[in-house]
């Protein structure tokens, strides 16, 4: 399971870096949010949601693994 998570995070990092390289033009909305400091709020909210989803998936995986282990013992 840890290798799957590690490979997922690694692939997300690679995709993010590739996406940032291809998008060189800035939009007016992003400039406006950056100048007001609101972009940091958006990034914080998205990061919180993403971390919450990852924690939820890990918790569910542990529960399923425990149930599989219990069902094999019976």
N, C-alpha and C. Protein backbone atom coordinates (compact mmCIF):
# COMPACT_ATOMS: atom_id res chain seq x y z
N UNK A 1 0.82 -1.19 0.00
CA UNK A 1 0.00 0.00 0.00
C UNK A 1 0.87 1.25 0.00
N UNK A 2 1.96 1.22 0.76
CA UNK A 2 2.83 2.39 0.83
C UNK A 2 3.47 2.66 -0.52
N UNK A 3 3.77 1.62 -1.27
CA UNK A 3 4.37 1.82 -2.58
C UNK A 3 3.37 2.45 -3.55
N UNK A 4 2.09 2.09 -3.40
CA UNK A 4 1.06 2.69 -4.24
C UNK A 4 0.91 4.17 -3.93
N UNK A 5 0.92 4.51 -2.66
CA UNK A 5 0.79 5.91 -2.27
C UNK A 5 2.00 6.69 -2.74
N UNK A 6 3.18 6.12 -2.57
CA UNK A 6 4.40 6.79 -2.99
C UNK A 6 4.41 7.01 -4.50
N UNK A 7 3.99 6.00 -5.26
CA UNK A 7 3.96 6.16 -6.71
C UNK A 7 2.90 7.16 -7.14
N UNK A 8 1.78 7.21 -6.43
CA UNK A 8 0.74 8.20 -6.72
C UNK A 8 1.26 9.61 -6.47
N UNK A 9 1.90 9.83 -5.33
CA UNK A 9 2.41 11.15 -5.03
C UNK A 9 3.52 11.57 -6.00
N UNK A 10 4.35 10.62 -6.38
CA UNK A 10 5.41 10.91 -7.33
C UNK A 10 4.84 11.28 -8.69
N UNK A 11 3.84 10.53 -9.14
CA UNK A 11 3.23 10.84 -10.44
C UNK A 11 2.50 12.17 -10.40
N UNK A 12 1.86 12.50 -9.28
CA UNK A 12 1.19 13.79 -9.16
C UNK A 12 2.21 14.92 -9.20
N UNK A 13 3.36 14.72 -8.58
CA UNK A 13 4.41 15.74 -8.62
C UNK A 13 4.93 15.96 -10.03
N UNK A 14 5.12 14.87 -10.76
CA UNK A 14 5.60 14.98 -12.13
C UNK A 14 4.57 15.67 -13.01
N UNK A 15 3.30 15.28 -12.86
CA UNK A 15 2.25 15.91 -13.66
C UNK A 15 2.11 17.38 -13.34
N UNK A 16 2.24 17.73 -12.08
CA UNK A 16 2.14 19.13 -11.69
C UNK A 16 3.27 19.95 -12.28
N UNK A 17 4.48 19.40 -12.23
CA UNK A 17 5.61 20.15 -12.78
C UNK A 17 5.49 20.30 -14.29
N UNK A 18 5.00 19.27 -14.96
CA UNK A 18 4.79 19.35 -16.41
C UNK A 18 3.71 20.38 -16.76
N UNK A 19 2.65 20.41 -15.96
CA UNK A 19 1.57 21.36 -16.22
C UNK A 19 2.05 22.79 -16.02
N UNK A 20 2.90 23.00 -15.02
CA UNK A 20 3.41 24.34 -14.78
C UNK A 20 4.36 24.78 -15.89
N UNK A 21 5.08 23.85 -16.47
CA UNK A 21 5.99 24.20 -17.54
C UNK A 21 5.24 24.60 -18.81
N UNK A 22 4.11 23.94 -19.07
CA UNK A 22 3.39 24.22 -20.30
C UNK A 22 2.57 25.50 -20.22
N UNK A 23 2.14 25.87 -19.03
CA UNK A 23 1.32 27.07 -18.88
C UNK A 23 2.24 28.23 -18.50
N UNK A 24 2.63 29.00 -19.48
CA UNK A 24 3.52 30.13 -19.24
C UNK A 24 2.78 31.46 -19.25
N UNK A 25 1.59 31.48 -19.82
CA UNK A 25 0.84 32.72 -19.87
C UNK A 25 0.04 32.88 -18.59
N UNK A 26 -0.07 34.11 -18.13
CA UNK A 26 -0.84 34.35 -16.91
C UNK A 26 -2.19 34.94 -17.29
N UNK A 27 -3.19 34.61 -16.52
CA UNK A 27 -4.52 35.12 -16.77
C UNK A 27 -4.79 36.30 -15.86
N UNK A 28 -5.76 37.10 -16.22
CA UNK A 28 -6.06 38.29 -15.43
C UNK A 28 -6.66 37.91 -14.08
N UNK A 29 -7.45 36.83 -14.02
CA UNK A 29 -8.03 36.42 -12.76
C UNK A 29 -6.95 35.99 -11.78
N UNK A 30 -5.99 35.22 -12.26
CA UNK A 30 -4.91 34.78 -11.39
C UNK A 30 -4.07 35.95 -10.92
N UNK A 31 -3.84 36.92 -11.80
CA UNK A 31 -3.08 38.11 -11.40
C UNK A 31 -3.83 38.90 -10.34
N UNK A 32 -5.13 39.02 -10.53
CA UNK A 32 -5.94 39.75 -9.55
C UNK A 32 -5.96 39.06 -8.20
N UNK A 33 -6.10 37.75 -8.20
CA UNK A 33 -6.11 37.01 -6.93
C UNK A 33 -4.74 37.05 -6.27
N UNK A 34 -3.70 36.99 -7.07
CA UNK A 34 -2.35 37.04 -6.53
C UNK A 34 -2.06 38.41 -5.92
N UNK A 35 -2.52 39.46 -6.57
CA UNK A 35 -2.25 40.80 -6.05
C UNK A 35 -3.02 41.07 -4.76
N UNK A 36 -4.20 40.48 -4.61
CA UNK A 36 -4.99 40.65 -3.38
C UNK A 36 -4.59 39.66 -2.29
N UNK A 37 -3.79 38.67 -2.62
CA UNK A 37 -3.39 37.66 -1.63
C UNK A 37 -4.41 36.56 -1.47
N UNK A 38 -5.46 36.55 -2.28
CA UNK A 38 -6.51 35.53 -2.16
C UNK A 38 -6.08 34.19 -2.74
N UNK A 39 -5.06 34.18 -3.57
CA UNK A 39 -4.61 32.93 -4.18
C UNK A 39 -4.13 31.96 -3.11
N UNK A 40 -3.57 32.51 -2.03
CA UNK A 40 -3.08 31.66 -0.95
C UNK A 40 -4.24 30.98 -0.21
N UNK A 41 -5.37 31.67 -0.12
CA UNK A 41 -6.56 31.07 0.48
C UNK A 41 -7.06 29.92 -0.39
N UNK A 42 -7.08 30.13 -1.69
CA UNK A 42 -7.52 29.09 -2.61
C UNK A 42 -6.61 27.87 -2.53
N UNK A 43 -5.31 28.11 -2.52
CA UNK A 43 -4.35 27.01 -2.43
C UNK A 43 -4.51 26.28 -1.10
N UNK A 44 -4.71 27.00 -0.01
CA UNK A 44 -4.87 26.37 1.30
C UNK A 44 -6.13 25.51 1.35
N UNK A 45 -7.21 26.00 0.78
CA UNK A 45 -8.47 25.23 0.77
C UNK A 45 -8.30 23.96 -0.07
N UNK A 46 -7.71 24.10 -1.25
CA UNK A 46 -7.51 22.92 -2.11
C UNK A 46 -6.58 21.91 -1.46
N UNK A 47 -5.53 22.40 -0.80
CA UNK A 47 -4.60 21.50 -0.12
C UNK A 47 -5.28 20.78 1.03
N UNK A 48 -6.12 21.49 1.77
CA UNK A 48 -6.85 20.87 2.88
C UNK A 48 -7.79 19.79 2.37
N UNK A 49 -8.49 20.06 1.30
CA UNK A 49 -9.41 19.07 0.73
C UNK A 49 -8.63 17.85 0.23
N UNK A 50 -7.53 18.08 -0.45
CA UNK A 50 -6.74 16.97 -0.98
C UNK A 50 -6.16 16.11 0.14
N UNK A 51 -5.63 16.74 1.17
CA UNK A 51 -5.08 15.98 2.30
C UNK A 51 -6.18 15.21 3.04
N UNK A 52 -7.36 15.82 3.15
CA UNK A 52 -8.49 15.12 3.77
C UNK A 52 -8.90 13.89 2.98
N UNK A 53 -8.94 14.02 1.67
CA UNK A 53 -9.29 12.87 0.82
C UNK A 53 -8.25 11.76 0.91
N UNK A 54 -6.97 12.14 0.93
CA UNK A 54 -5.91 11.14 1.05
C UNK A 54 -5.99 10.42 2.39
N UNK A 55 -6.22 11.18 3.47
CA UNK A 55 -6.35 10.57 4.80
C UNK A 55 -7.55 9.63 4.85
N UNK A 56 -8.65 10.02 4.22
CA UNK A 56 -9.86 9.20 4.20
C UNK A 56 -9.60 7.88 3.45
N UNK A 57 -8.94 7.96 2.32
CA UNK A 57 -8.65 6.76 1.53
C UNK A 57 -7.72 5.82 2.31
N UNK A 58 -6.73 6.38 2.98
CA UNK A 58 -5.82 5.55 3.78
C UNK A 58 -6.57 4.87 4.92
N UNK A 59 -7.46 5.62 5.58
CA UNK A 59 -8.24 5.05 6.68
C UNK A 59 -9.16 3.92 6.18
N UNK A 60 -9.80 4.14 5.07
CA UNK A 60 -10.68 3.11 4.50
C UNK A 60 -9.86 1.88 4.10
N UNK A 61 -8.68 2.08 3.54
CA UNK A 61 -7.83 0.97 3.14
C UNK A 61 -7.42 0.14 4.36
N UNK A 62 -7.10 0.80 5.46
CA UNK A 62 -6.73 0.07 6.67
C UNK A 62 -7.90 -0.75 7.19
N UNK A 63 -9.10 -0.17 7.15
CA UNK A 63 -10.28 -0.90 7.62
C UNK A 63 -10.57 -2.11 6.74
N UNK A 64 -10.46 -1.93 5.43
CA UNK A 64 -10.72 -3.04 4.51
C UNK A 64 -9.67 -4.13 4.70
N UNK A 65 -8.42 -3.74 4.87
CA UNK A 65 -7.35 -4.72 5.09
C UNK A 65 -7.60 -5.51 6.37
N UNK A 66 -8.04 -4.82 7.41
CA UNK A 66 -8.34 -5.50 8.67
C UNK A 66 -9.50 -6.47 8.51
N UNK A 67 -10.53 -6.05 7.77
CA UNK A 67 -11.67 -6.94 7.54
C UNK A 67 -11.27 -8.15 6.71
N UNK A 68 -10.43 -7.95 5.71
CA UNK A 68 -9.95 -9.08 4.91
C UNK A 68 -9.13 -10.04 5.76
N UNK A 69 -8.31 -9.49 6.63
CA UNK A 69 -7.50 -10.32 7.51
C UNK A 69 -8.38 -11.13 8.46
N UNK A 70 -9.41 -10.48 9.02
CA UNK A 70 -10.32 -11.17 9.92
C UNK A 70 -11.12 -12.25 9.20
N UNK A 71 -11.53 -12.00 7.98
CA UNK A 71 -12.34 -12.99 7.25
C UNK A 71 -11.48 -14.19 6.84
N UNK A 72 -10.19 -14.00 6.61
CA UNK A 72 -9.32 -15.10 6.26
C UNK A 72 -9.05 -16.00 7.47
N UNK A 73 -9.05 -15.43 8.68
CA UNK A 73 -8.77 -16.21 9.88
C UNK A 73 -9.94 -17.08 10.27
N UNK A 74 -11.12 -16.68 9.89
CA UNK A 74 -12.31 -17.46 10.28
C UNK A 74 -12.56 -18.62 9.41
